[in-house]
Every structure is written in C-alpha cells, then in structure tokens.
Amino acid sequence: MLEEDLLEIKFRLLDGSDMGPFRYSPASTVAMLKERIVAEWPKDKKGGPKSANDIKLINAGKILENNKTVGQCRTPFRELPKGVITMHAVVQMSLMKAKQEKKIDEAPKQNVCTCTIL
C-alpha cells in the first residue's frame, strides 16, 4: 500500500484532549481503531475503557459500527488531501457492567435496632 493511501486519524476525548494522529489503511475496521484506543489510552486519565466494547466512535455525527472500514466511514466533505480526520471517542460502559459494578460497590445495609431496658 502506498504511503499516500494511508489516512491520518486522531481521536478527541471527552475532556477535549486528542490521541494521535495515527495512520490507518482505508481497509482497517472500526473495531481495530477501538482496540488501538484501549491500548494507547493515557494512564493519567480517569474513566478509561476496559475493552473496545466500552468505546463509541463518532465521525460526522454518526456512531460508527465495528464491522465498517475506515474507508466506508469517510464522508465526501472530509476527503481533503493530507487532512487529518478527527473522530470523537466516547467511553460508555455497557449497562450490564455498570449495574454489576454498582452492586459490588454497594454493601448490603443491615438494619440494626437496639433496645435497652432499665
């Protein structure tokens, strides 16, 4: 593959900081991009993804599907020569995981009643 064919993509995080840009082939899948985000996530940032399933990638206002390729996700107005594509990376734990973690964090409360007879 020619160097010219590679796409430069950076990922904008929720706090406004960016990861990248990284170079990808147009045949790379969205799932591959998510795996890279998990691997490259800054260690000093809280709320990082535990897996690729915790990430939603958004480009041009659309949530990208894992099975789509980067080439399929590009929109015509984004095809600038040597332009960097910015995708928003939103960490969103699945609802099931969030519920399980909440249950673990919440210790069962015991009602304690005491009586003293004098």
PDB file of N, CA and C in Angstrom:
ATOM      1  N   MET A   1       0.851  -1.171   0.000  1.00  0.00           N
ATOM      2  CA  MET A   1       0.000   0.000   0.000  1.00  0.00           C
ATOM      3  C   MET A   1       0.893   1.230   0.000  1.00  0.00           C
ATOM      4  N   LEU A   2       0.535   2.206  -0.776  1.00  0.00           N
ATOM      5  CA  LEU A   2       1.291   3.436  -0.852  1.00  0.00           C
ATOM      6  C   LEU A   2       1.101   4.267   0.413  1.00  0.00           C
ATOM      7  N   GLU A   3       2.153   4.996   0.763  1.00  0.00           N
ATOM      8  CA  GLU A   3       2.097   5.879   1.926  1.00  0.00           C
ATOM      9  C   GLU A   3       0.990   6.918   1.762  1.00  0.00           C
ATOM     10  N   GLU A   4       0.724   7.331   0.530  1.00  0.00           N
ATOM     11  CA  GLU A   4      -0.301   8.345   0.249  1.00  0.00           C
ATOM     12  C   GLU A   4      -1.704   7.846   0.548  1.00  0.00           C
ATOM     13  N   ASP A   5      -1.911   6.534   0.464  1.00  0.00           N
ATOM     14  CA  ASP A   5      -3.235   5.968   0.673  1.00  0.00           C
ATOM     15  C   ASP A   5      -3.633   5.896   2.146  1.00  0.00           C
ATOM     16  N   LEU A   6      -2.665   5.998   3.054  1.00  0.00           N
ATOM     17  CA  LEU A   6      -2.973   5.907   4.473  1.00  0.00           C
ATOM     18  C   LEU A   6      -3.715   7.156   4.938  1.00  0.00           C
ATOM     19  N   LEU A   7      -4.657   6.946   5.850  1.00  0.00           N
ATOM     20  CA  LEU A   7      -5.452   8.047   6.404  1.00  0.00           C
ATOM     21  C   LEU A   7      -4.934   8.387   7.797  1.00  0.00           C
ATOM     22  N   GLU A   8      -4.843   9.658   8.087  1.00  0.00           N
ATOM     23  CA  GLU A   8      -4.448  10.096   9.421  1.00  0.00           C
ATOM     24  C   GLU A   8      -5.710  10.386  10.226  1.00  0.00           C
ATOM     25  N   ILE A   9      -5.794   9.728  11.382  1.00  0.00           N
ATOM     26  CA  ILE A   9      -6.977   9.866  12.230  1.00  0.00           C
ATOM     27  C   ILE A   9      -6.521  10.206  13.644  1.00  0.00           C
ATOM     28  N   LYS A  10      -7.159  11.208  14.234  1.00  0.00           N
ATOM     29  CA  LYS A  10      -6.931  11.482  15.648  1.00  0.00           C
ATOM     30  C   LYS A  10      -8.253  11.315  16.375  1.00  0.00           C
ATOM     31  N   PHE A  11      -8.154  11.002  17.645  1.00  0.00           N
ATOM     32  CA  PHE A  11      -9.335  10.730  18.452  1.00  0.00           C
ATOM     33  C   PHE A  11      -9.468  11.809  19.516  1.00  0.00           C
ATOM     34  N   ARG A  12     -10.603  12.486  19.538  1.00  0.00           N
ATOM     35  CA  ARG A  12     -10.876  13.533  20.517  1.00  0.00           C
ATOM     36  C   ARG A  12     -11.586  12.887  21.689  1.00  0.00           C
ATOM     37  N   LEU A  13     -11.012  13.071  22.879  1.00  0.00           N
ATOM     38  CA  LEU A  13     -11.569  12.508  24.094  1.00  0.00           C
ATOM     39  C   LEU A  13     -12.567  13.487  24.713  1.00  0.00           C
ATOM     40  N   LEU A  14     -13.299  13.022  25.689  1.00  0.00           N
ATOM     41  CA  LEU A  14     -14.364  13.810  26.304  1.00  0.00           C
ATOM     42  C   LEU A  14     -13.860  15.112  26.928  1.00  0.00           C
ATOM     43  N   ASP A  15     -12.630  15.095  27.449  1.00  0.00           N
ATOM     44  CA  ASP A  15     -12.088  16.305  28.078  1.00  0.00           C
ATOM     45  C   ASP A  15     -11.495  17.291  27.073  1.00  0.00           C
ATOM     46  N   GLY A  16     -11.596  16.987  25.782  1.00  0.00           N
ATOM     47  CA  GLY A  16     -11.111  17.883  24.740  1.00  0.00           C
ATOM     48  C   GLY A  16      -9.700  17.605  24.284  1.00  0.00           C
ATOM     49  N   SER A  17      -8.994  16.706  24.945  1.00  0.00           N
ATOM     50  CA  SER A  17      -7.646  16.357  24.517  1.00  0.00           C
ATOM     51  C   SER A  17      -7.717  15.361  23.354  1.00  0.00           C
ATOM     52  N   ASP A  18      -6.608  15.222  22.647  1.00  0.00           N
ATOM     53  CA  ASP A  18      -6.563  14.351  21.474  1.00  0.00           C
ATOM     54  C   ASP A  18      -5.556  13.232  21.658  1.00  0.00           C
ATOM     55  N   MET A  19      -5.846  12.101  21.025  1.00  0.00           N
ATOM     56  CA  MET A  19      -4.897  10.998  20.891  1.00  0.00           C
ATOM     57  C   MET A  19      -4.558  10.912  19.414  1.00  0.00           C
ATOM     58  N   GLY A  20      -3.287  10.861  19.108  1.00  0.00           N
ATOM     59  CA  GLY A  20      -2.903  10.718  17.714  1.00  0.00           C
ATOM     60  C   GLY A  20      -2.370  12.004  17.159  1.00  0.00           C
ATOM     61  N   PRO A  21      -2.281  12.118  15.867  1.00  0.00           N
ATOM     62  CA  PRO A  21      -2.901  11.265  14.847  1.00  0.00           C
ATOM     63  C   PRO A  21      -2.133   9.957  14.622  1.00  0.00           C
ATOM     64  N   PHE A  22      -2.881   8.948  14.221  1.00  0.00           N
ATOM     65  CA  PHE A  22      -2.354   7.651  13.855  1.00  0.00           C
ATOM     66  C   PHE A  22      -2.667   7.423  12.388  1.00  0.00           C
ATOM     67  N   ARG A  23      -1.884   6.597  11.732  1.00  0.00           N
ATOM     68  CA  ARG A  23      -2.093   6.314  10.309  1.00  0.00           C
ATOM     69  C   ARG A  23      -2.737   4.944  10.150  1.00  0.00           C
ATOM     70  N   TYR A  24      -3.774   4.903   9.326  1.00  0.00           N
ATOM     71  CA  TYR A  24      -4.521   3.672   9.093  1.00  0.00           C
ATOM     72  C   TYR A  24      -4.758   3.466   7.603  1.00  0.00           C
ATOM     73  N   SER A  25      -4.847   2.226   7.233  1.00  0.00           N
ATOM     74  CA  SER A  25      -5.245   1.857   5.883  1.00  0.00           C
ATOM     75  C   SER A  25      -6.751   2.051   5.766  1.00  0.00           C
ATOM     76  N   PRO A  26      -7.274   2.407   4.586  1.00  0.00           N
ATOM     77  CA  PRO A  26      -8.731   2.513   4.425  1.00  0.00           C
ATOM     78  C   PRO A  26      -9.454   1.190   4.690  1.00  0.00           C
ATOM     79  N   ALA A  27      -8.717   0.067   4.654  1.00  0.00           N
ATOM     80  CA  ALA A  27      -9.330  -1.241   4.895  1.00  0.00           C
ATOM     81  C   ALA A  27      -9.400  -1.583   6.387  1.00  0.00           C
ATOM     82  N   SER A  28      -8.809  -0.762   7.257  1.00  0.00           N
ATOM     83  CA  SER A  28      -8.869  -1.009   8.703  1.00  0.00           C
ATOM     84  C   SER A  28     -10.308  -0.884   9.184  1.00  0.00           C
ATOM     85  N   THR A  29     -10.681  -1.739  10.119  1.00  0.00           N
ATOM     86  CA  THR A  29     -12.053  -1.699  10.634  1.00  0.00           C
ATOM     87  C   THR A  29     -12.145  -0.773  11.845  1.00  0.00           C
ATOM     88  N   VAL A  30     -13.355  -0.376  12.154  1.00  0.00           N
ATOM     89  CA  VAL A  30     -13.616   0.469  13.317  1.00  0.00           C
ATOM     90  C   VAL A  30     -13.209  -0.285  14.588  1.00  0.00           C
ATOM     91  N   ALA A  31     -13.413  -1.599  14.611  1.00  0.00           N
ATOM     92  CA  ALA A  31     -13.018  -2.404  15.763  1.00  0.00           C
ATOM     93  C   ALA A  31     -11.510  -2.303  15.995  1.00  0.00           C
ATOM     94  N   MET A  32     -10.713  -2.260  14.931  1.00  0.00           N
ATOM     95  CA  MET A  32      -9.264  -2.117  15.060  1.00  0.00           C
ATOM     96  C   MET A  32      -8.909  -0.760  15.668  1.00  0.00           C
ATOM     97  N   LEU A  33      -9.626   0.279  15.275  1.00  0.00           N
ATOM     98  CA  LEU A  33      -9.392   1.606  15.826  1.00  0.00           C
ATOM     99  C   LEU A  33      -9.687   1.624  17.323  1.00  0.00           C
ATOM    100  N   LYS A  34     -10.769   0.982  17.721  1.00  0.00           N
ATOM    101  CA  LYS A  34     -11.148   0.938  19.131  1.00  0.00           C
ATOM    102  C   LYS A  34     -10.099   0.195  19.959  1.00  0.00           C
ATOM    103  N   GLU A  35      -9.552  -0.896  19.405  1.00  0.00           N
ATOM    104  CA  GLU A  35      -8.505  -1.649  20.100  1.00  0.00           C
ATOM    105  C   GLU A  35      -7.280  -0.764  20.312  1.00  0.00           C
ATOM    106  N   ARG A  36      -6.953   0.048  19.324  1.00  0.00           N
ATOM    107  CA  ARG A  36      -5.804   0.960  19.441  1.00  0.00           C
ATOM    108  C   ARG A  36      -6.058   2.001  20.528  1.00  0.00           C
ATOM    109  N   ILE A  37      -7.275   2.493  20.617  1.00  0.00           N
ATOM    110  CA  ILE A  37      -7.609   3.475  21.647  1.00  0.00           C
ATOM    111  C   ILE A  37      -7.434   2.863  23.035  1.00  0.00           C
ATOM    112  N   VAL A  38      -7.898   1.632  23.222  1.00  0.00           N
ATOM    113  CA  VAL A  38      -7.748   0.960  24.514  1.00  0.00           C
ATOM    114  C   VAL A  38      -6.264   0.810  24.842  1.00  0.00           C
ATOM    115  N   ALA A  39      -5.465   0.411  23.859  1.00  0.00           N
ATOM    116  CA  ALA A  39      -4.035   0.193  24.076  1.00  0.00           C
ATOM    117  C   ALA A  39      -3.287   1.498  24.353  1.00  0.00           C
ATOM    118  N   GLU A  40      -3.683   2.582  23.711  1.00  0.00           N
ATOM    119  CA  GLU A  40      -2.967   3.857  23.805  1.00  0.00           C
ATOM    120  C   GLU A  40      -3.567   4.826  24.819  1.00  0.00           C
ATOM    121  N   TRP A  41      -4.617   4.419  25.535  1.00  0.00           N
ATOM    122  CA  TRP A  41      -5.305   5.327  26.449  1.00  0.00           C
ATOM    123  C   TRP A  41      -4.316   5.887  27.468  1.00  0.00           C
ATOM    124  N   PRO A  42      -4.285   7.202  27.663  1.00  0.00           N
ATOM    125  CA  PRO A  42      -3.352   7.807  28.616  1.00  0.00           C
ATOM    126  C   PRO A  42      -3.586   7.283  30.031  1.00  0.00           C
ATOM    127  N   LYS A  43      -2.522   6.870  30.689  1.00  0.00           N
ATOM    128  CA  LYS A  43      -2.625   6.277  32.029  1.00  0.00           C
ATOM    129  C   LYS A  43      -3.068   7.291  33.082  1.00  0.00           C
ATOM    130  N   ASP A  44      -2.835   8.589  32.823  1.00  0.00           N
ATOM    131  CA  ASP A  44      -3.185   9.600  33.809  1.00  0.00           C
ATOM    132  C   ASP A  44      -4.640  10.048  33.729  1.00  0.00           C
ATOM    133  N   LYS A  45      -5.390   9.552  32.761  1.00  0.00           N
ATOM    134  CA  LYS A  45      -6.797   9.941  32.616  1.00  0.00           C
ATOM    135  C   LYS A  45      -7.695   8.907  33.294  1.00  0.00           C
ATOM    136  N   LYS A  46      -8.637   9.399  34.070  1.00  0.00           N
ATOM    137  CA  LYS A  46      -9.591   8.515  34.749  1.00  0.00           C
ATOM    138  C   LYS A  46     -10.711   8.150  33.788  1.00  0.00           C
ATOM    139  N   GLY A  47     -11.411   7.084  34.099  1.00  0.00           N
ATOM    140  CA  GLY A  47     -12.573   6.689  33.310  1.00  0.00           C
ATOM    141  C   GLY A  47     -12.220   6.082  31.980  1.00  0.00           C
ATOM    142  N   GLY A  48     -11.058   5.442  31.901  1.00  0.00           N
ATOM    143  CA  GLY A  48     -10.633   4.822  30.655  1.00  0.00           C
ATOM    144  C   GLY A  48     -11.415   3.563  30.347  1.00  0.00           C
ATOM    145  N   PRO A  49     -11.426   3.174  29.075  1.00  0.00           N
ATOM    146  CA  PRO A  49     -12.168   1.970  28.686  1.00  0.00           C
ATOM    147  C   PRO A  49     -11.435   0.710  29.147  1.00  0.00           C
ATOM    148  N   LYS A  50     -12.207  -0.294  29.523  1.00  0.00           N
ATOM    149  CA  LYS A  50     -11.622  -1.579  29.894  1.00  0.00           C
ATOM    150  C   LYS A  50     -11.517  -2.491  28.680  1.00  0.00           C
ATOM    151  N   SER A  51     -12.386  -2.247  27.698  1.00  0.00           N
ATOM    152  CA  SER A  51     -12.348  -3.034  26.464  1.00  0.00           C
ATOM    153  C   SER A  51     -12.852  -2.163  25.312  1.00  0.00           C
ATOM    154  N   ALA A  52     -12.700  -2.674  24.106  1.00  0.00           N
ATOM    155  CA  ALA A  52     -13.141  -1.943  22.922  1.00  0.00           C
ATOM    156  C   ALA A  52     -14.659  -1.764  22.914  1.00  0.00           C
ATOM    157  N   ASN A  53     -15.381  -2.628  23.586  1.00  0.00           N
ATOM    158  CA  ASN A  53     -16.842  -2.519  23.631  1.00  0.00           C
ATOM    159  C   ASN A  53     -17.318  -1.322  24.444  1.00  0.00           C
ATOM    160  N   ASP A  54     -16.425  -0.757  25.254  1.00  0.00           N
ATOM    161  CA  ASP A  54     -16.784   0.403  26.069  1.00  0.00           C
ATOM    162  C   ASP A  54     -16.661   1.713  25.300  1.00  0.00           C
ATOM    163  N   ILE A  55     -16.209   1.664  24.047  1.00  0.00           N
ATOM    164  CA  ILE A  55     -15.947   2.877  23.270  1.00  0.00           C
ATOM    165  C   ILE A  55     -16.966   3.029  22.154  1.00  0.00           C
ATOM    166  N   LYS A  56     -17.445   4.241  21.998  1.00  0.00           N
ATOM    167  CA  LYS A  56     -18.270   4.618  20.841  1.00  0.00           C
ATOM    168  C   LYS A  56     -17.445   5.605  20.045  1.00  0.00           C
ATOM    169  N   LEU A  57     -17.257   5.340  18.757  1.00  0.00           N
ATOM    170  CA  LEU A  57     -16.554   6.268  17.874  1.00  0.00           C
ATOM    171  C   LEU A  57     -17.576   7.025  17.056  1.00  0.00           C
ATOM    172  N   ILE A  58     -17.435   8.333  17.012  1.00  0.00           N
ATOM    173  CA  ILE A  58     -18.376   9.184  16.292  1.00  0.00           C
ATOM    174  C   ILE A  58     -17.608   9.980  15.249  1.00  0.00           C
ATOM    175  N   ASN A  59     -18.080   9.931  14.011  1.00  0.00           N
ATOM    176  CA  ASN A  59     -17.496  10.711  12.925  1.00  0.00           C
ATOM    177  C   ASN A  59     -18.634  11.355  12.146  1.00  0.00           C
ATOM    178  N   ALA A  60     -18.542  12.661  11.971  1.00  0.00           N
ATOM    179  CA  ALA A  60     -19.558  13.424  11.236  1.00  0.00           C
ATOM    180  C   ALA A  60     -20.951  13.201  11.819  1.00  0.00           C
ATOM    181  N   GLY A  61     -21.025  13.090  13.146  1.00  0.00           N
ATOM    182  CA  GLY A  61     -22.304  12.962  13.823  1.00  0.00           C
ATOM    183  C   GLY A  61     -22.910  11.573  13.807  1.00  0.00           C
ATOM    184  N   LYS A  62     -22.165  10.580  13.322  1.00  0.00           N
ATOM    185  CA  LYS A  62     -22.695   9.221  13.254  1.00  0.00           C
ATOM    186  C   LYS A  62     -21.852   8.281  14.096  1.00  0.00           C
ATOM    187  N   ILE A  63     -22.514   7.403  14.838  1.00  0.00           N
ATOM    188  CA  ILE A  63     -21.814   6.372  15.596  1.00  0.00           C
ATOM    189  C   ILE A  63     -21.389   5.297  14.600  1.00  0.00           C
ATOM    190  N   LEU A  64     -20.100   4.973  14.626  1.00  0.00           N
ATOM    191  CA  LEU A  64     -19.552   4.027  13.656  1.00  0.00           C
ATOM    192  C   LEU A  64     -19.721   2.595  14.132  1.00  0.00           C
ATOM    193  N   GLU A  65     -20.042   1.721  13.200  1.00  0.00           N
ATOM    194  CA  GLU A  65     -20.237   0.305  13.501  1.00  0.00           C
ATOM    195  C   GLU A  65     -18.902  -0.421  13.417  1.00  0.00           C
ATOM    196  N   ASN A  66     -18.711  -1.417  14.294  1.00  0.00           N
ATOM    197  CA  ASN A  66     -17.442  -2.138  14.372  1.00  0.00           C
ATOM    198  C   ASN A  66     -17.030  -2.812  13.076  1.00  0.00           C
ATOM    199  N   ASN A  67     -17.993  -3.294  12.292  1.00  0.00           N
ATOM    200  CA  ASN A  67     -17.652  -4.058  11.084  1.00  0.00           C
ATOM    201  C   ASN A  67     -17.369  -3.171   9.869  1.00  0.00           C
ATOM    202  N   LYS A  68     -17.566  -1.868   9.981  1.00  0.00           N
ATOM    203  CA  LYS A  68     -17.302  -0.956   8.868  1.00  0.00           C
ATOM    204  C   LYS A  68     -15.809  -0.680   8.773  1.00  0.00           C
ATOM    205  N   THR A  69     -15.349  -0.380   7.563  1.00  0.00           N
ATOM    206  CA  THR A  69     -13.950   0.002   7.385  1.00  0.00           C
ATOM    207  C   THR A  69     -13.818   1.515   7.465  1.00  0.00           C
ATOM    208  N   VAL A  70     -12.596   1.960   7.671  1.00  0.00           N
ATOM    209  CA  VAL A  70     -12.340   3.399   7.747  1.00  0.00           C
ATOM    210  C   VAL A  70     -12.724   4.057   6.423  1.00  0.00           C
ATOM    211  N   GLY A  71     -12.453   3.382   5.318  1.00  0.00           N
ATOM    212  CA  GLY A  71     -12.805   3.910   4.009  1.00  0.00           C
ATOM    213  C   GLY A  71     -14.302   4.104   3.841  1.00  0.00           C
ATOM    214  N   GLN A  72     -15.097   3.221   4.426  1.00  0.00           N
ATOM    215  CA  GLN A  72     -16.554   3.328   4.333  1.00  0.00           C
ATOM    216  C   GLN A  72     -17.097   4.436   5.231  1.00  0.00           C
ATOM    217  N   CYS A  73     -16.362   4.807   6.263  1.00  0.00           N
ATOM    218  CA  CYS A  73     -16.829   5.808   7.220  1.00  0.00           C
ATOM    219  C   CYS A  73     -16.535   7.228   6.779  1.00  0.00           C
ATOM    220  N   ARG A  74     -15.690   7.402   5.816  1.00  0.00           N
ATOM    221  CA  ARG A  74     -15.349   8.754   5.373  1.00  0.00           C
ATOM    222  C   ARG A  74     -16.523   9.380   4.658  1.00  0.00           C
ATOM    223  N   THR A  75     -16.707  10.650   4.906  1.00  0.00           N
ATOM    224  CA  THR A  75     -17.756  11.387   4.218  1.00  0.00           C
ATOM    225  C   THR A  75     -17.107  12.225   3.122  1.00  0.00           C
ATOM    226  N   PRO A  76     -17.815  12.511   2.038  1.00  0.00           N
ATOM    227  CA  PRO A  76     -17.199  13.218   0.906  1.00  0.00           C
ATOM    228  C   PRO A  76     -16.536  14.543   1.268  1.00  0.00           C
ATOM    229  N   PHE A  77     -17.119  15.327   2.191  1.00  0.00           N
ATOM    230  CA  PHE A  77     -16.519  16.617   2.504  1.00  0.00           C
ATOM    231  C   PHE A  77     -15.264  16.474   3.363  1.00  0.00           C
ATOM    232  N   ARG A  78     -14.966  15.290   3.842  1.00  0.00           N
ATOM    233  CA  ARG A  78     -13.767  15.054   4.652  1.00  0.00           C
ATOM    234  C   ARG A  78     -12.567  14.651   3.787  1.00  0.00           C
ATOM    235  N   GLU A  79     -12.767  14.462   2.511  1.00  0.00           N
ATOM    236  CA  GLU A  79     -11.686  13.979   1.663  1.00  0.00           C
ATOM    237  C   GLU A  79     -10.771  15.116   1.244  1.00  0.00           C
ATOM    238  N   LEU A  80     -10.036  15.630   2.207  1.00  0.00           N
ATOM    239  CA  LEU A  80      -9.077  16.679   1.950  1.00  0.00           C
ATOM    240  C   LEU A  80      -7.700  16.038   1.777  1.00  0.00           C
ATOM    241  N   PRO A  81      -6.906  16.522   0.841  1.00  0.00           N
ATOM    242  CA  PRO A  81      -5.575  15.940   0.694  1.00  0.00           C
ATOM    243  C   PRO A  81      -4.743  16.185   1.947  1.00  0.00           C
ATOM    244  N   LYS A  82      -4.141  15.125   2.451  1.00  0.00           N
ATOM    245  CA  LYS A  82      -3.285  15.178   3.632  1.00  0.00           C
ATOM    246  C   LYS A  82      -4.011  15.706   4.867  1.00  0.00           C
ATOM    247  N   GLY A  83      -5.333  15.653   4.897  1.00  0.00           N
ATOM    248  CA  GLY A  83      -6.093  16.128   6.046  1.00  0.00           C
ATOM    249  C   GLY A  83      -6.169  15.073   7.133  1.00  0.00           C
ATOM    250  N   VAL A  84      -6.262  15.525   8.360  1.00  0.00           N
ATOM    251  CA  VAL A  84      -6.404  14.620   9.493  1.00  0.00           C
ATOM    252  C   VAL A  84      -7.881  14.526   9.837  1.00  0.00           C
ATOM    253  N   ILE A  85      -8.381  13.326   9.945  1.00  0.00           N
ATOM    254  CA  ILE A  85      -9.777  13.088  10.298  1.00  0.00           C
ATOM    255  C   ILE A  85      -9.869  13.030  11.820  1.00  0.00           C
ATOM    256  N   THR A  86     -10.789  13.780  12.391  1.00  0.00           N
ATOM    257  CA  THR A  86     -10.994  13.758  13.840  1.00  0.00           C
ATOM    258  C   THR A  86     -12.260  12.970  14.138  1.00  0.00           C
ATOM    259  N   MET A  87     -12.110  11.957  14.971  1.00  0.00           N
ATOM    260  CA  MET A  87     -13.249  11.166  15.433  1.00  0.00           C
ATOM    261  C   MET A  87     -13.361  11.358  16.936  1.00  0.00           C
ATOM    262  N   HIS A  88     -14.571  11.427  17.419  1.00  0.00           N
ATOM    263  CA  HIS A  88     -14.798  11.558  18.851  1.00  0.00           C
ATOM    264  C   HIS A  88     -14.865  10.164  19.463  1.00  0.00           C
ATOM    265  N   ALA A  89     -14.104   9.957  20.529  1.00  0.00           N
ATOM    266  CA  ALA A  89     -14.090   8.680  21.240  1.00  0.00           C
ATOM    267  C   ALA A  89     -14.789   8.889  22.574  1.00  0.00           C
ATOM    268  N   VAL A  90     -15.936   8.249  22.737  1.00  0.00           N
ATOM    269  CA  VAL A  90     -16.732   8.380  23.955  1.00  0.00           C
ATOM    270  C   VAL A  90     -16.684   7.052  24.703  1.00  0.00           C
ATOM    271  N   VAL A  91     -16.255   7.112  25.952  1.00  0.00           N
ATOM    272  CA  VAL A  91     -16.213   5.901  26.775  1.00  0.00           C
ATOM    273  C   VAL A  91     -17.558   5.760  27.449  1.00  0.00           C
ATOM    274  N   GLN A  92     -18.177   4.625  27.203  1.00  0.00           N
ATOM    275  CA  GLN A  92     -19.508   4.380  27.739  1.00  0.00           C
ATOM    276  C   GLN A  92     -19.580   2.908  28.099  1.00  0.00           C
ATOM    277  N   MET A  93     -19.455   2.635  29.391  1.00  0.00           N
ATOM    278  CA  MET A  93     -19.508   1.244  29.825  1.00  0.00           C
ATOM    279  C   MET A  93     -20.889   0.677  29.533  1.00  0.00           C
ATOM    280  N   SER A  94     -20.923  -0.586  29.212  1.00  0.00           N
ATOM    281  CA  SER A  94     -22.212  -1.203  28.934  1.00  0.00           C
ATOM    282  C   SER A  94     -23.071  -1.180  30.191  1.00  0.00           C
ATOM    283  N   LEU A  95     -24.353  -1.131  30.007  1.00  0.00           N
ATOM    284  CA  LEU A  95     -25.295  -1.015  31.115  1.00  0.00           C
ATOM    285  C   LEU A  95     -25.173  -2.194  32.076  1.00  0.00           C
ATOM    286  N   MET A  96     -24.945  -3.391  31.530  1.00  0.00           N
ATOM    287  CA  MET A  96     -24.838  -4.577  32.368  1.00  0.00           C
ATOM    288  C   MET A  96     -23.613  -4.485  33.277  1.00  0.00           C
ATOM    289  N   LYS A  97     -22.474  -4.042  32.742  1.00  0.00           N
ATOM    290  CA  LYS A  97     -21.268  -3.906  33.548  1.00  0.00           C
ATOM    291  C   LYS A  97     -21.456  -2.857  34.625  1.00  0.00           C
ATOM    292  N   ALA A  98     -22.085  -1.760  34.285  1.00  0.00           N
ATOM    293  CA  ALA A  98     -22.302  -0.686  35.245  1.00  0.00           C
ATOM    294  C   ALA A  98     -23.170  -1.165  36.402  1.00  0.00           C
ATOM    295  N   LYS A  99     -24.191  -1.944  36.101  1.00  0.00           N
ATOM    296  CA  LYS A  99     -25.061  -2.468  37.151  1.00  0.00           C
ATOM    297  C   LYS A  99     -24.304  -3.432  38.062  1.00  0.00           C
ATOM    298  N   GLN A 100     -23.456  -4.284  37.468  1.00  0.00           N
ATOM    299  CA  GLN A 100     -22.692  -5.233  38.268  1.00  0.00           C
ATOM    300  C   GLN A 100     -21.718  -4.504  39.183  1.00  0.00           C
ATOM    301  N   GLU A 101     -21.040  -3.475  38.659  1.00  0.00           N
ATOM    302  CA  GLU A 101     -20.102  -2.731  39.482  1.00  0.00           C
ATOM    303  C   GLU A 101     -20.824  -1.986  40.597  1.00  0.00           C
ATOM    304  N   LYS A 102     -22.016  -1.492  40.306  1.00  0.00           N
ATOM    305  CA  LYS A 102     -22.791  -0.774  41.322  1.00  0.00           C
ATOM    306  C   LYS A 102     -23.170  -1.737  42.447  1.00  0.00           C
ATOM    307  N   LYS A 103     -23.563  -2.957  42.096  1.00  0.00           N
ATOM    308  CA  LYS A 103     -23.928  -3.938  43.110  1.00  0.00           C
ATOM    309  C   LYS A 103     -22.740  -4.295  43.986  1.00  0.00           C
ATOM    310  N   ILE A 104     -21.561  -4.381  43.381  1.00  0.00           N
ATOM    311  CA  ILE A 104     -20.366  -4.720  44.150  1.00  0.00           C
ATOM    312  C   ILE A 104     -20.020  -3.584  45.103  1.00  0.00           C
ATOM    313  N   ASP A 105     -20.129  -2.352  44.624  1.00  0.00           N
ATOM    314  CA  ASP A 105     -19.783  -1.188  45.436  1.00  0.00           C
ATOM    315  C   ASP A 105     -20.725  -0.985  46.608  1.00  0.00           C
ATOM    316  N   GLU A 106     -21.979  -1.324  46.424  1.00  0.00           N
ATOM    317  CA  GLU A 106     -22.964  -1.119  47.477  1.00  0.00           C
ATOM    318  C   GLU A 106     -22.999  -2.328  48.401  1.00  0.00           C
ATOM    319  N   ALA A 107     -22.491  -2.173  49.587  1.00  0.00           N
ATOM    320  CA  ALA A 107     -22.553  -3.254  50.567  1.00  0.00           C
ATOM    321  C   ALA A 107     -23.982  -3.308  51.105  1.00  0.00           C
ATOM    322  N   PRO A 108     -24.479  -4.492  51.348  1.00  0.00           N
ATOM    323  CA  PRO A 108     -25.842  -4.573  51.869  1.00  0.00           C
ATOM    324  C   PRO A 108     -25.921  -3.885  53.239  1.00  0.00           C
ATOM    325  N   LYS A 109     -26.924  -3.059  53.383  1.00  0.00           N
ATOM    326  CA  LYS A 109     -27.109  -2.331  54.634  1.00  0.00           C
ATOM    327  C   LYS A 109     -27.910  -3.202  55.588  1.00  0.00           C
ATOM    328  N   GLN A 110     -27.438  -3.241  56.797  1.00  0.00           N
ATOM    329  CA  GLN A 110     -28.136  -4.020  57.803  1.00  0.00           C
ATOM    330  C   GLN A 110     -28.846  -3.063  58.743  1.00  0.00           C
ATOM    331  N   ASN A 111     -30.097  -3.347  58.965  1.00  0.00           N
ATOM    332  CA  ASN A 111     -30.854  -2.545  59.934  1.00  0.00           C
ATOM    333  C   ASN A 111     -30.533  -3.086  61.321  1.00  0.00           C
ATOM    334  N   VAL A 112     -30.015  -2.208  62.129  1.00  0.00           N
ATOM    335  CA  VAL A 112     -29.668  -2.621  63.481  1.00  0.00           C
ATOM    336  C   VAL A 112     -30.527  -1.823  64.451  1.00  0.00           C
ATOM    337  N   CYS A 113     -31.217  -2.544  65.276  1.00  0.00           N
ATOM    338  CA  CYS A 113     -32.076  -1.914  66.258  1.00  0.00           C
ATOM    339  C   CYS A 113     -31.663  -2.435  67.628  1.00  0.00           C
ATOM    340  N   THR A 114     -31.453  -1.545  68.516  1.00  0.00           N
ATOM    341  CA  THR A 114     -31.084  -1.974  69.871  1.00  0.00           C
ATOM    342  C   THR A 114     -32.077  -1.433  70.884  1.00  0.00           C
ATOM    343  N   CYS A 115     -32.317  -2.181  71.904  1.00  0.00           N
ATOM    344  CA  CYS A 115     -33.199  -1.768  72.980  1.00  0.00           C
ATOM    345  C   CYS A 115     -32.463  -1.920  74.304  1.00  0.00           C
ATOM    346  N   THR A 116     -32.687  -0.983  75.153  1.00  0.00           N
ATOM    347  CA  THR A 116     -32.106  -1.066  76.484  1.00  0.00           C
ATOM    348  C   THR A 116     -33.226  -0.943  77.496  1.00  0.00           C
ATOM    349  N   ILE A 117     -33.338  -1.918  78.383  1.00  0.00           N
ATOM    350  CA  ILE A 117     -34.378  -1.910  79.416  1.00  0.00           C
ATOM    351  C   ILE A 117     -33.684  -1.639  80.748  1.00  0.00           C
ATOM    352  N   LEU A 118     -34.135  -0.607  81.416  1.00  0.00           N
ATOM    353  CA  LEU A 118     -33.559  -0.257  82.705  1.00  0.00           C
ATOM    354  C   LEU A 118     -34.434  -0.671  83.832  1.00  0.00           C
TER     355      LEU A 118
END
